[in-house]
Every structure is written in structure tokens, then in C-alpha cells.
Amino acid sequence: MKRIWLAFLYSLSGIGAAWRDETAFREEVFLSIIMIPAAIFLAPDKISLILMIGSVLLVLALELVNTAVEASINRIGSEIHPLSKKAKDTASAAVLIALINAAFVWALILFI
């Protein structure tokens, strides 16, 4: 149980670090504070609700991964390197795909 508790605390620390240092994460959290309650009221059924909330949470999760990749690359050094750029760009692309997915899920559920 101690390991699980410590892992939980480390996770909270990571969320706190992203909140402090990443504007994009704060913006996405604010949007999720609006979108998750909206999903509760707008979803026509439970499966739709799960998909709507899940798509929002996926964006937050991938933003945290993107932040971790960026921090790791920045720790290595400040010089520009093609592999560093590739790592940062692909992590950012993962967030973009999650955002597109969320828009797609919400649009399909609400408008089709």
C-alpha cells in the first residue's frame, strides 16, 4: 500500500508541475472543467458519455506525456539536435491527434 500511496503522490506532483509550468495544460484543464459537466448533460446515453469524457481525459494525459518528453529533452541540453526536435514534435503531434479525436467524438455524438 505504501508504494501505491507514494505513486499517487508522485502523480499529483507531476500534475502540479504541469499546472505551474505549462500554459497549454492549464488551458486544457479549464476546458475540461467546462466540457466534462457539459458531457453529463448533453450525452444521449452512457456510452456517449464515456466517449465524450474519455476523449477529454485523453487530451490531458497526452499533454502530460508531452510535458514529460519536453522536460527530458531540455534536461539533456539546450543545443538544437534533429532527434530532440523529432521527440518534441511527435509528442506534440500526439496531443494534436487527441484534440482532433475529441472534436470528432463530440461532433459525431452531438450533431450526427
C-alpha atoms as a PDB file:
ATOM      1  CA  MET A   1       0.000   0.000   0.000  1.00  0.00           C
ATOM      2  CA  LYS A   2       2.875   2.371   0.717  1.00  0.00           C
ATOM      3  CA  ARG A   3       4.171   2.059  -2.850  1.00  0.00           C
ATOM      4  CA  ILE A   4       0.714   2.785  -4.263  1.00  0.00           C
ATOM      5  CA  TRP A   5       0.357   5.822  -1.990  1.00  0.00           C
ATOM      6  CA  LEU A   6       3.778   7.148  -2.997  1.00  0.00           C
ATOM      7  CA  ALA A   7       2.986   6.606  -6.681  1.00  0.00           C
ATOM      8  CA  PHE A   8      -0.224   8.581  -6.186  1.00  0.00           C
ATOM      9  CA  LEU A   9       1.710  11.426  -4.531  1.00  0.00           C
ATOM     10  CA  TYR A  10       4.287  11.435  -7.358  1.00  0.00           C
ATOM     11  CA  SER A  11       1.443  11.638  -9.852  1.00  0.00           C
ATOM     12  CA  LEU A  12      -0.067  14.607  -8.020  1.00  0.00           C
ATOM     13  CA  SER A  13       3.357  16.234  -8.039  1.00  0.00           C
ATOM     14  CA  GLY A  14       3.546  15.749 -11.809  1.00  0.00           C
ATOM     15  CA  ILE A  15       0.120  17.291 -12.295  1.00  0.00           C
ATOM     16  CA  GLY A  16       1.185  20.195 -10.104  1.00  0.00           C
ATOM     17  CA  ALA A  17       4.370  20.714 -12.098  1.00  0.00           C
ATOM     18  CA  ALA A  18       2.447  20.697 -15.379  1.00  0.00           C
ATOM     19  CA  TRP A  19      -0.082  23.133 -13.914  1.00  0.00           C
ATOM     20  CA  ARG A  20       2.686  25.520 -12.806  1.00  0.00           C
ATOM     21  CA  ASP A  21       4.827  25.348 -15.920  1.00  0.00           C
ATOM     22  CA  GLU A  22       2.566  24.577 -18.881  1.00  0.00           C
ATOM     23  CA  THR A  23       0.055  27.103 -20.167  1.00  0.00           C
ATOM     24  CA  ALA A  24      -1.408  24.555 -22.580  1.00  0.00           C
ATOM     25  CA  PHE A  25      -2.113  22.149 -19.715  1.00  0.00           C
ATOM     26  CA  ARG A  26      -3.871  24.865 -17.700  1.00  0.00           C
ATOM     27  CA  GLU A  27      -5.977  25.807 -20.732  1.00  0.00           C
ATOM     28  CA  GLU A  28      -6.929  22.182 -21.320  1.00  0.00           C
ATOM     29  CA  VAL A  29      -7.840  21.725 -17.653  1.00  0.00           C
ATOM     30  CA  PHE A  30     -10.100  24.786 -17.819  1.00  0.00           C
ATOM     31  CA  LEU A  31     -11.751  23.394 -20.947  1.00  0.00           C
ATOM     32  CA  SER A  32     -12.206  20.004 -19.285  1.00  0.00           C
ATOM     33  CA  ILE A  33     -13.873  21.705 -16.295  1.00  0.00           C
ATOM     34  CA  ILE A  34     -16.443  23.007 -18.765  1.00  0.00           C
ATOM     35  CA  MET A  35     -16.640  20.006 -21.083  1.00  0.00           C
ATOM     36  CA  ILE A  36     -16.999  17.180 -18.563  1.00  0.00           C
ATOM     37  CA  PRO A  37     -20.110  18.632 -16.881  1.00  0.00           C
ATOM     38  CA  ALA A  38     -21.427  19.553 -20.345  1.00  0.00           C
ATOM     39  CA  ALA A  39     -20.981  15.930 -21.401  1.00  0.00           C
ATOM     40  CA  ILE A  40     -23.055  14.797 -18.426  1.00  0.00           C
ATOM     41  CA  PHE A  41     -25.943  16.956 -19.617  1.00  0.00           C
ATOM     42  CA  LEU A  42     -25.523  16.543 -23.379  1.00  0.00           C
ATOM     43  CA  ALA A  43     -24.662  12.873 -23.814  1.00  0.00           C
ATOM     44  CA  PRO A  44     -27.651  10.928 -25.116  1.00  0.00           C
ATOM     45  CA  ASP A  45     -26.574   7.671 -23.435  1.00  0.00           C
ATOM     46  CA  LYS A  46     -23.906   6.174 -21.183  1.00  0.00           C
ATOM     47  CA  ILE A  47     -21.619   5.026 -23.992  1.00  0.00           C
ATOM     48  CA  SER A  48     -21.637   8.522 -25.473  1.00  0.00           C
ATOM     49  CA  LEU A  49     -20.876   9.953 -22.040  1.00  0.00           C
ATOM     50  CA  ILE A  50     -17.922   7.605 -21.626  1.00  0.00           C
ATOM     51  CA  LEU A  51     -16.588   8.523 -25.066  1.00  0.00           C
ATOM     52  CA  MET A  52     -17.022  12.261 -24.515  1.00  0.00           C
ATOM     53  CA  ILE A  53     -15.346  12.308 -21.112  1.00  0.00           C
ATOM     54  CA  GLY A  54     -12.685   9.809 -22.195  1.00  0.00           C
ATOM     55  CA  SER A  55     -11.710  11.938 -25.174  1.00  0.00           C
ATOM     56  CA  VAL A  56     -11.224  14.954 -22.907  1.00  0.00           C
ATOM     57  CA  LEU A  57      -9.169  12.980 -20.378  1.00  0.00           C
ATOM     58  CA  LEU A  58      -7.028  11.569 -23.201  1.00  0.00           C
ATOM     59  CA  VAL A  59      -6.053  15.114 -24.195  1.00  0.00           C
ATOM     60  CA  LEU A  60      -4.957  15.846 -20.622  1.00  0.00           C
ATOM     61  CA  ALA A  61      -2.999  12.588 -20.371  1.00  0.00           C
ATOM     62  CA  LEU A  62      -1.157  13.194 -23.622  1.00  0.00           C
ATOM     63  CA  GLU A  63      -0.404  16.780 -22.644  1.00  0.00           C
ATOM     64  CA  LEU A  64       1.279  15.395 -19.533  1.00  0.00           C
ATOM     65  CA  VAL A  65       3.298  12.966 -21.665  1.00  0.00           C
ATOM     66  CA  ASN A  66       4.232  15.836 -23.990  1.00  0.00           C
ATOM     67  CA  THR A  67       5.406  17.843 -20.983  1.00  0.00           C
ATOM     68  CA  ALA A  68       7.485  14.898 -19.770  1.00  0.00           C
ATOM     69  CA  VAL A  69       9.139  14.470 -23.170  1.00  0.00           C
ATOM     70  CA  GLU A  70       9.919  18.174 -23.412  1.00  0.00           C
ATOM     71  CA  ALA A  71      11.372  18.268 -19.887  1.00  0.00           C
ATOM     72  CA  SER A  72      13.534  15.222 -20.581  1.00  0.00           C
ATOM     73  CA  ILE A  73      14.870  16.651 -23.831  1.00  0.00           C
ATOM     74  CA  ASN A  74      15.510  20.060 -22.240  1.00  0.00           C
ATOM     75  CA  ARG A  75      17.451  18.417 -19.433  1.00  0.00           C
ATOM     76  CA  ILE A  76      19.782  16.761 -21.916  1.00  0.00           C
ATOM     77  CA  GLY A  77      20.907  20.104 -23.318  1.00  0.00           C
ATOM     78  CA  SER A  78      19.918  23.329 -24.989  1.00  0.00           C
ATOM     79  CA  GLU A  79      21.605  22.701 -28.339  1.00  0.00           C
ATOM     80  CA  ILE A  80      19.349  22.008 -31.285  1.00  0.00           C
ATOM     81  CA  HIS A  81      19.506  18.387 -32.407  1.00  0.00           C
ATOM     82  CA  PRO A  82      17.348  16.642 -35.030  1.00  0.00           C
ATOM     83  CA  LEU A  83      16.422  13.800 -32.663  1.00  0.00           C
ATOM     84  CA  SER A  84      15.418  16.245 -29.920  1.00  0.00           C
ATOM     85  CA  LYS A  85      13.223  18.086 -32.413  1.00  0.00           C
ATOM     86  CA  LYS A  86      11.712  14.810 -33.568  1.00  0.00           C
ATOM     87  CA  ALA A  87      10.895  13.744 -29.993  1.00  0.00           C
ATOM     88  CA  LYS A  88       9.312  17.072 -29.113  1.00  0.00           C
ATOM     89  CA  ASP A  89       7.394  17.344 -32.380  1.00  0.00           C
ATOM     90  CA  THR A  90       5.986  13.831 -32.221  1.00  0.00           C
ATOM     91  CA  ALA A  91       4.899  14.276 -28.602  1.00  0.00           C
ATOM     92  CA  SER A  92       3.179  17.493 -29.629  1.00  0.00           C
ATOM     93  CA  ALA A  93       1.575  15.680 -32.562  1.00  0.00           C
ATOM     94  CA  ALA A  94       0.129  13.124 -30.136  1.00  0.00           C
ATOM     95  CA  VAL A  95      -1.644  15.961 -28.321  1.00  0.00           C
ATOM     96  CA  LEU A  96      -2.918  17.313 -31.635  1.00  0.00           C
ATOM     97  CA  ILE A  97      -4.318  13.919 -32.604  1.00  0.00           C
ATOM     98  CA  ALA A  98      -6.035  13.641 -29.207  1.00  0.00           C
ATOM     99  CA  LEU A  99      -7.588  17.089 -29.722  1.00  0.00           C
ATOM    100  CA  ILE A 100      -8.803  16.096 -33.189  1.00  0.00           C
ATOM    101  CA  ASN A 101     -10.189  12.878 -31.720  1.00  0.00           C
ATOM    102  CA  ALA A 102     -12.065  14.794 -29.018  1.00  0.00           C
ATOM    103  CA  ALA A 103     -13.544  17.178 -31.582  1.00  0.00           C
ATOM    104  CA  PHE A 104     -14.525  14.247 -33.798  1.00  0.00           C
ATOM    105  CA  VAL A 105     -16.142  12.293 -30.930  1.00  0.00           C
ATOM    106  CA  TRP A 106     -18.081  15.294 -29.663  1.00  0.00           C
ATOM    107  CA  ALA A 107     -19.203  16.324 -33.159  1.00  0.00           C
ATOM    108  CA  LEU A 108     -20.388  12.810 -34.044  1.00  0.00           C
ATOM    109  CA  ILE A 109     -22.291  12.414 -30.809  1.00  0.00           C
ATOM    110  CA  LEU A 110     -23.856  15.866 -30.710  1.00  0.00           C
ATOM    111  CA  PHE A 111     -24.508  16.608 -34.375  1.00  0.00           C
ATOM    112  CA  ILE A 112     -24.991  13.310 -36.190  1.00  0.00           C
END
